[in-house]
Amino acid sequence: MQIDITGLPEERFVFAPSPLAELGTALHALTEPGHHPGLHGWTTATCAAFKPDLADRLHEADFLWGPTFSDISMPFAALADTHGMPGATLTEDLDLLDRLDDELYVAAALEISCASLYSRGGPSPLVDAEAREQALERAVARGPRQAEFARRLLADPPAVRAWIRRFFEDCDQAFFADVWQRVRVQLAADARHKTEVLRRKGLADALTEVSTALAVDEEQRRITVDKLSNGRTTAVNPEVGAGLTFVPSSFGWPHLMVLHAPGWRPVIHYPVAAPELSRTASVELLQQRLEALAHPVRIRICRNLARTAYSTGELAAEQGITAPEVSRHLGALKKAGLIQTRRRGRYVLHQLDLQVVARLGSDFLEGILR
């Protein structure tokens, strides 16, 4: 995924927490707890304390915050006069959300159901028959409650928008006010720190502080986000003003979400307080490691190397193949970073890097969920 930042001055990069974005991420964690095993205690306790009515409403519109993440949680990105700044309170963020016109709101709310249209934009399902049909078709695939909710949203946007705002406000009263009181200082401090890194050390270092999955080219014309999903957007957007916003989240890990809808200011929604991220393999390296392990001979070689160190000749004798064949397989494993080598006299010994292999499962999950 790439973000064009050609000619964007330093002051157009904004780091700021958003109460509504954080609420959206919390709702995502509650509806998709398998994505967030580190939050299991919090999600279990919070859901157990829900009143039945609130729990029902949480699932009624879960495509807004469930498998993915709707852009309605970041309305500041669609309004030019915010200059990329979220509201300071949940009420302020909800007031920004109320300012979106019905076409934009409905398109953003149903974009997850029309994911194939997200990157290239297009007319709102509220005014375009084909987009409407596709939105309803995907909502039906999510289940009858979600389908009914999508039909109501398309039929009466003002009423459903009021319903969603009340739901957010009820969540605030039920649990989020306490959550925000606990995390807002940490998120604000993180935003200030990264702003200072940007000012003192430059964009490349600031991006590294955000996530090792972010990189900028030498000419500082393009930010690349290491995600399996593809997409392009620009931070030089005359419709909403040039700029790029970074929003920290205490609930986000392992997700690194990028708002890249056409006509919106791009936003990178990143997790804080997740030291695991600094050790996460890139998507390319993860693919290389899985491919290296896909060969049956290499699996058998790994079985030997997991126990102790072997020389090439010893592996050849153990596997019943030639030394050059072993060398080719070792080369693939070494290139993927799965084995370590050391010299003992005139022999080179190879051994499986157990720590790297042990992380493959979590690396895989982090890579596909990022």
Protein backbone atom coordinates (compact mmCIF):
# COMPACT_ATOMS: atom_id res chain seq x y z
CA MET A 1 0.00 0.00 0.00
CA GLN A 2 1.37 3.42 -0.94
CA ILE A 3 0.64 7.02 0.05
CA ASP A 4 1.86 9.83 -2.21
CA ILE A 5 3.37 12.64 -0.08
CA THR A 6 5.15 14.57 -2.85
CA GLY A 7 6.03 18.06 -1.64
CA LEU A 8 4.18 17.68 1.65
CA PRO A 9 5.76 19.94 4.31
CA GLU A 10 6.51 18.67 7.80
CA GLU A 11 3.70 20.65 9.40
CA ARG A 12 1.12 18.74 7.35
CA PHE A 13 1.89 15.51 9.19
CA VAL A 14 -0.41 15.37 12.23
CA PHE A 15 -0.15 13.01 15.21
CA ALA A 16 -3.29 13.10 17.35
CA PRO A 17 -5.53 10.66 19.28
CA SER A 18 -9.21 10.40 18.43
CA PRO A 19 -11.84 9.36 21.00
CA LEU A 20 -14.21 8.07 18.31
CA ALA A 21 -11.49 6.11 16.52
CA GLU A 22 -10.50 4.57 19.86
CA LEU A 23 -14.12 3.67 20.59
CA GLY A 24 -14.36 2.07 17.16
CA THR A 25 -11.24 0.01 17.85
CA ALA A 26 -12.61 -1.03 21.25
CA LEU A 27 -15.86 -2.15 19.61
CA HIS A 28 -13.82 -4.10 17.06
CA ALA A 29 -11.94 -5.87 19.87
CA LEU A 30 -15.25 -6.74 21.54
CA THR A 31 -16.76 -8.22 18.36
CA GLU A 32 -13.56 -9.89 17.11
CA PRO A 33 -11.76 -11.01 20.31
CA GLY A 34 -9.79 -13.61 18.36
CA HIS A 35 -7.89 -10.77 16.69
CA HIS A 36 -6.76 -9.46 20.07
CA PRO A 37 -5.72 -12.30 22.39
CA GLY A 38 -3.85 -9.85 24.63
CA LEU A 39 -7.16 -8.15 25.46
CA HIS A 40 -9.00 -11.35 26.38
CA GLY A 41 -9.47 -10.38 30.03
CA TRP A 42 -10.81 -6.92 29.16
CA THR A 43 -13.14 -8.10 26.38
CA THR A 44 -14.56 -10.89 28.54
CA ALA A 45 -15.21 -8.62 31.53
CA THR A 46 -16.64 -5.79 29.42
CA CYS A 47 -19.02 -8.03 27.45
CA ALA A 48 -20.16 -9.73 30.65
CA ALA A 49 -21.16 -6.36 32.09
CA PHE A 50 -23.19 -5.29 29.04
CA LYS A 51 -26.91 -4.91 29.41
CA PRO A 52 -28.76 -7.17 26.92
CA ASP A 53 -30.02 -4.24 24.86
CA LEU A 54 -26.52 -2.81 24.39
CA ALA A 55 -25.10 -6.24 23.48
CA ASP A 56 -27.84 -6.71 20.86
CA ARG A 57 -27.12 -3.32 19.31
CA LEU A 58 -23.37 -4.06 19.30
CA HIS A 59 -23.99 -7.04 17.00
CA GLU A 60 -26.76 -5.47 14.97
CA ALA A 61 -24.35 -3.17 13.13
CA ASP A 62 -21.15 -5.10 13.69
CA PHE A 63 -19.99 -4.69 10.09
CA LEU A 64 -19.18 -1.09 11.06
CA TRP A 65 -16.50 -2.28 13.49
CA GLY A 66 -16.31 -6.07 13.17
CA PRO A 67 -14.10 -7.92 10.66
CA THR A 68 -12.69 -4.63 9.40
CA PHE A 69 -13.15 -1.01 10.32
CA SER A 70 -15.52 1.62 8.94
CA ASP A 71 -14.25 5.09 8.10
CA ILE A 72 -17.17 6.68 9.97
CA SER A 73 -14.96 6.46 13.07
CA MET A 74 -12.65 9.10 11.56
CA PRO A 75 -14.95 11.81 10.15
CA PHE A 76 -12.27 14.50 10.55
CA ALA A 77 -10.57 13.00 7.51
CA ALA A 78 -13.47 13.98 5.26
CA LEU A 79 -13.76 17.60 6.43
CA ALA A 80 -11.34 20.19 5.07
CA ASP A 81 -11.71 22.67 7.92
CA THR A 82 -10.47 20.20 10.56
CA HIS A 83 -6.98 20.23 8.98
CA GLY A 84 -6.69 16.56 9.87
CA MET A 85 -7.33 17.04 13.59
CA PRO A 86 -9.81 14.78 15.41
CA GLY A 87 -12.05 16.12 18.16
CA ALA A 88 -10.69 16.46 21.67
CA THR A 89 -13.72 14.65 23.14
CA LEU A 90 -16.08 11.96 21.95
CA THR A 91 -18.85 14.53 21.68
CA GLU A 92 -16.70 16.69 19.41
CA ASP A 93 -15.89 13.68 17.22
CA LEU A 94 -19.57 12.75 17.03
CA ASP A 95 -20.42 16.33 16.05
CA LEU A 96 -17.90 16.01 13.19
CA LEU A 97 -19.58 12.77 12.17
CA ASP A 98 -22.94 14.55 12.10
CA ARG A 99 -21.52 17.03 9.59
CA LEU A 100 -20.96 14.39 6.89
CA ASP A 101 -23.70 14.48 4.26
CA ASP A 102 -25.91 11.41 3.91
CA GLU A 103 -24.29 10.19 0.69
CA LEU A 104 -20.79 10.25 2.15
CA TYR A 105 -21.92 8.78 5.48
CA VAL A 106 -23.80 5.87 3.89
CA ALA A 107 -20.93 5.13 1.49
CA ALA A 108 -18.47 5.08 4.41
CA ALA A 109 -20.77 2.97 6.58
CA LEU A 110 -21.31 0.36 3.87
CA GLU A 111 -17.83 0.41 2.34
CA ILE A 112 -16.83 -2.75 4.23
CA SER A 113 -19.70 -4.55 2.55
CA CYS A 114 -18.42 -3.23 -0.78
CA ALA A 115 -14.70 -3.70 -0.15
CA SER A 116 -13.88 -4.28 -3.82
CA LEU A 117 -15.03 -0.71 -4.58
CA TYR A 118 -13.17 0.91 -1.69
CA SER A 119 -9.91 1.89 -3.39
CA ARG A 120 -11.41 3.16 -6.60
CA GLY A 121 -14.30 5.02 -5.05
CA GLY A 122 -17.51 5.54 -6.97
CA PRO A 123 -21.02 6.75 -6.31
CA SER A 124 -22.73 6.24 -2.98
CA PRO A 125 -25.15 3.31 -2.60
CA LEU A 126 -27.64 5.96 -1.54
CA VAL A 127 -27.87 7.35 -5.11
CA ASP A 128 -26.51 4.61 -7.38
CA ALA A 129 -28.59 1.48 -8.04
CA GLU A 130 -25.64 -0.79 -8.83
CA ALA A 131 -23.69 0.27 -5.75
CA ARG A 132 -26.84 -0.17 -3.68
CA GLU A 133 -27.39 -3.70 -5.00
CA GLN A 134 -23.79 -4.66 -4.26
CA ALA A 135 -23.99 -3.22 -0.74
CA LEU A 136 -27.16 -5.15 0.04
CA GLU A 137 -25.78 -8.35 -1.46
CA ARG A 138 -22.72 -8.22 0.77
CA ALA A 139 -24.79 -7.27 3.80
CA VAL A 140 -27.02 -10.29 3.20
CA ALA A 141 -23.90 -12.47 3.20
CA ARG A 142 -23.13 -11.18 6.71
CA GLY A 143 -26.47 -12.35 8.09
CA PRO A 144 -30.14 -11.32 8.36
CA ARG A 145 -29.63 -8.74 11.11
CA GLN A 146 -26.88 -6.99 9.20
CA ALA A 147 -28.94 -7.11 6.00
CA GLU A 148 -31.91 -5.52 7.74
CA PHE A 149 -29.68 -2.84 9.24
CA ALA A 150 -28.23 -2.00 5.80
CA ARG A 151 -31.75 -1.77 4.32
CA ARG A 152 -32.82 0.60 7.08
CA LEU A 153 -29.71 2.74 6.58
CA LEU A 154 -30.40 3.03 2.85
CA ALA A 155 -34.10 3.69 3.38
CA ASP A 156 -33.83 6.26 6.20
CA PRO A 157 -30.27 7.57 6.74
CA PRO A 158 -31.17 10.28 9.30
CA ALA A 159 -32.94 7.82 11.59
CA VAL A 160 -30.15 5.25 11.48
CA ARG A 161 -27.49 7.92 11.90
CA ALA A 162 -29.27 9.06 15.07
CA TRP A 163 -29.43 5.40 16.19
CA ILE A 164 -25.66 5.01 15.68
CA ARG A 165 -24.90 8.20 17.59
CA ARG A 166 -27.06 7.07 20.50
CA PHE A 167 -25.30 3.72 20.47
CA PHE A 168 -21.89 5.42 20.67
CA GLU A 169 -23.12 7.62 23.51
CA ASP A 170 -24.53 4.62 25.38
CA CYS A 171 -21.20 2.79 24.95
CA ASP A 172 -19.49 5.84 26.39
CA GLN A 173 -21.72 5.71 29.44
CA ALA A 174 -21.44 1.92 29.82
CA PHE A 175 -17.67 1.51 29.54
CA PHE A 176 -15.82 3.84 27.20
CA ALA A 177 -15.67 6.94 29.41
CA ASP A 178 -13.62 4.96 31.92
CA VAL A 179 -11.48 3.48 29.15
CA TRP A 180 -10.78 6.89 27.61
CA GLN A 181 -9.93 8.38 30.98
CA ARG A 182 -7.35 5.59 31.39
CA VAL A 183 -5.74 5.67 27.93
CA ARG A 184 -6.03 9.26 26.72
CA VAL A 185 -2.91 10.46 28.56
CA GLN A 186 -0.83 7.65 27.11
CA LEU A 187 -2.14 8.28 23.57
CA ALA A 188 -1.56 12.03 23.82
CA ALA A 189 1.98 11.44 25.11
CA ASP A 190 2.67 9.05 22.24
CA ALA A 191 1.42 11.61 19.71
CA ARG A 192 3.62 14.34 21.24
CA HIS A 193 6.66 12.05 21.25
CA LYS A 194 6.30 11.15 17.58
CA THR A 195 5.71 14.78 16.65
CA GLU A 196 8.99 15.61 18.40
CA VAL A 197 10.80 12.78 16.59
CA LEU A 198 9.46 14.14 13.30
CA ARG A 199 10.68 17.62 14.13
CA ARG A 200 14.11 16.61 15.40
CA LYS A 201 15.02 13.57 13.31
CA GLY A 202 12.80 13.66 10.24
CA LEU A 203 10.03 11.65 8.68
CA ALA A 204 11.89 8.36 8.24
CA ASP A 205 12.67 8.08 11.95
CA ALA A 206 9.14 9.13 12.90
CA LEU A 207 7.67 6.40 10.67
CA THR A 208 9.97 3.81 12.23
CA GLU A 209 8.71 4.89 15.64
CA VAL A 210 5.14 4.34 14.45
CA SER A 211 5.75 0.88 12.95
CA THR A 212 8.48 -1.10 11.23
CA ALA A 213 5.86 -1.78 8.54
CA LEU A 214 6.17 1.86 7.38
CA ALA A 215 8.92 3.23 5.15
CA VAL A 216 9.51 6.33 3.04
CA ASP A 217 11.57 6.50 -0.16
CA GLU A 218 14.76 8.57 -0.33
CA GLU A 219 13.06 11.44 -2.18
CA GLN A 220 10.29 11.45 0.43
CA ARG A 221 7.65 11.23 -2.27
CA ARG A 222 5.95 8.04 -1.15
CA ILE A 223 5.21 6.16 2.07
CA THR A 224 4.96 2.39 1.69
CA VAL A 225 2.88 0.37 4.16
CA ASP A 226 3.85 -3.31 4.39
CA LYS A 227 0.38 -4.89 4.23
CA LEU A 228 -1.08 -7.74 2.23
CA SER A 229 -3.84 -5.45 0.97
CA ASN A 230 -3.14 -3.25 -2.04
CA GLY A 231 -4.10 0.37 -2.39
CA ARG A 232 -2.91 3.83 -3.35
CA THR A 233 -3.88 7.24 -2.12
CA THR A 234 -2.48 10.74 -1.94
CA ALA A 235 -1.87 13.10 0.93
CA VAL A 236 -1.92 16.00 -1.55
CA ASN A 237 -5.69 16.21 -1.85
CA PRO A 238 -7.32 19.55 -2.73
CA GLU A 239 -10.77 18.33 -1.61
CA VAL A 240 -9.91 17.93 2.07
CA GLY A 241 -6.56 19.71 2.21
CA ALA A 242 -3.08 18.28 1.89
CA GLY A 243 -1.88 16.24 4.84
CA LEU A 244 -1.56 12.89 6.57
CA THR A 245 -2.87 12.08 10.05
CA PHE A 246 -1.47 9.45 12.41
CA VAL A 247 -3.90 8.25 15.10
CA PRO A 248 -2.52 6.14 18.00
CA SER A 249 -4.59 3.36 19.54
CA SER A 250 -4.21 1.33 22.71
CA PHE A 251 -6.54 -1.41 21.36
CA GLY A 252 -5.22 -1.67 17.81
CA TRP A 253 -2.46 -4.29 17.88
CA PRO A 254 -1.87 -6.29 15.68
CA HIS A 255 -3.74 -4.09 13.18
CA LEU A 256 -2.09 -1.23 11.34
CA MET A 257 -5.04 0.36 9.54
CA VAL A 258 -4.85 2.84 6.69
CA LEU A 259 -7.77 5.01 5.63
CA HIS A 260 -7.17 5.39 1.89
CA ALA A 261 -10.62 6.07 0.47
CA PRO A 262 -10.64 8.48 -2.51
CA GLY A 263 -11.59 12.00 -1.47
CA TRP A 264 -10.59 11.49 2.18
CA ARG A 265 -7.44 12.64 3.90
CA PRO A 266 -5.30 9.52 4.45
CA VAL A 267 -5.02 8.32 8.04
CA ILE A 268 -2.66 5.74 9.56
CA HIS A 269 -4.25 4.22 12.66
CA TYR A 270 -1.43 2.56 14.57
CA PRO A 271 -1.10 0.58 17.81
CA VAL A 272 0.98 1.81 20.73
CA ALA A 273 2.62 -0.15 23.54
CA ALA A 274 3.22 -3.24 21.41
CA PRO A 275 6.92 -4.15 21.60
CA GLU A 276 6.19 -7.29 19.56
CA LEU A 277 5.77 -5.13 16.48
CA SER A 278 9.47 -4.25 16.35
CA ARG A 279 10.29 -7.93 15.82
CA THR A 280 7.53 -8.72 13.36
CA ALA A 281 8.70 -10.05 10.01
CA SER A 282 7.76 -8.17 6.86
CA VAL A 283 5.04 -9.71 4.72
CA GLU A 284 7.64 -10.52 2.06
CA LEU A 285 9.95 -12.26 4.55
CA LEU A 286 7.02 -14.16 6.06
CA GLN A 287 6.06 -15.45 2.61
CA GLN A 288 9.68 -16.41 1.93
CA ARG A 289 9.86 -18.39 5.20
CA LEU A 290 6.63 -20.25 4.54
CA GLU A 291 7.76 -21.10 1.01
CA ALA A 292 11.13 -22.30 2.31
CA LEU A 293 9.37 -24.68 4.69
CA ALA A 294 6.98 -25.97 2.05
CA HIS A 295 9.53 -28.48 0.67
CA PRO A 296 9.37 -31.92 2.35
CA VAL A 297 13.16 -32.38 2.36
CA ARG A 298 13.61 -29.05 4.14
CA ILE A 299 11.08 -30.07 6.76
CA ARG A 300 13.14 -33.21 7.44
CA ILE A 301 16.35 -31.15 7.54
CA CYS A 302 14.69 -28.80 10.05
CA ARG A 303 13.84 -31.80 12.19
CA ASN A 304 17.56 -32.62 12.42
CA LEU A 305 18.66 -29.01 12.93
CA ALA A 306 16.10 -28.45 15.69
CA ARG A 307 17.89 -30.99 17.84
CA THR A 308 21.54 -30.11 17.31
CA ALA A 309 24.00 -28.59 14.86
CA TYR A 310 24.91 -30.55 11.72
CA SER A 311 27.50 -30.12 9.00
CA THR A 312 26.47 -30.35 5.35
CA GLY A 313 28.08 -33.78 5.02
CA GLU A 314 26.31 -35.09 8.10
CA LEU A 315 22.95 -33.89 6.77
CA ALA A 316 23.64 -35.50 3.39
CA ALA A 317 24.31 -38.83 5.08
CA GLU A 318 21.29 -38.44 7.34
CA GLN A 319 18.91 -37.57 4.49
CA GLY A 320 20.39 -39.91 1.87
CA ILE A 321 20.99 -37.15 -0.68
CA THR A 322 24.10 -35.47 -2.07
CA ALA A 323 25.97 -32.65 -0.32
CA PRO A 324 25.20 -30.17 -3.17
CA GLU A 325 21.49 -30.93 -2.77
CA VAL A 326 21.74 -30.29 0.96
CA SER A 327 23.58 -27.03 0.29
CA ARG A 328 20.77 -25.82 -1.97
CA HIS A 329 18.15 -26.55 0.68
CA LEU A 330 20.28 -24.94 3.40
CA GLY A 331 20.68 -21.90 1.18
CA ALA A 332 16.91 -21.47 0.94
CA LEU A 333 16.49 -21.87 4.70
CA LYS A 334 19.34 -19.46 5.44
CA LYS A 335 18.03 -16.85 3.00
CA ALA A 336 14.70 -17.02 4.84
CA GLY A 337 16.49 -16.44 8.15
CA LEU A 338 15.47 -19.81 9.58
CA ILE A 339 18.90 -21.25 10.37
CA GLN A 340 22.11 -20.07 11.99
CA THR A 341 25.62 -21.17 11.01
CA ARG A 342 28.92 -21.25 12.86
CA ARG A 343 32.37 -22.61 12.09
CA ARG A 344 34.04 -25.36 14.10
CA GLY A 345 37.53 -25.99 12.74
CA ARG A 346 37.17 -26.85 9.07
CA TYR A 347 33.45 -27.64 9.43
CA VAL A 348 30.52 -25.25 9.05
CA LEU A 349 27.68 -26.23 11.35
CA HIS A 350 24.02 -25.37 10.81
CA GLN A 351 21.26 -25.17 13.39
CA LEU A 352 17.60 -24.14 13.31
CA ASP A 353 16.84 -20.74 14.84
CA LEU A 354 14.17 -21.93 17.25
CA GLN A 355 13.14 -18.42 18.30
CA VAL A 356 12.41 -17.40 14.70
CA VAL A 357 10.51 -20.60 13.98
CA ALA A 358 8.52 -20.27 17.21
CA ARG A 359 7.32 -16.84 16.05
CA LEU A 360 6.10 -18.05 12.65
CA GLY A 361 2.55 -18.64 13.87
CA SER A 362 2.21 -15.20 15.46
CA ASP A 363 4.07 -13.57 12.54
CA PHE A 364 1.59 -15.18 10.17
CA LEU A 365 -1.39 -13.90 12.16
CA GLU A 366 0.11 -10.43 12.54
CA GLY A 367 0.93 -10.30 8.83
CA ILE A 368 -2.56 -11.17 7.61
CA LEU A 369 -4.32 -9.06 10.25
CA ARG A 370 -2.05 -6.03 9.95
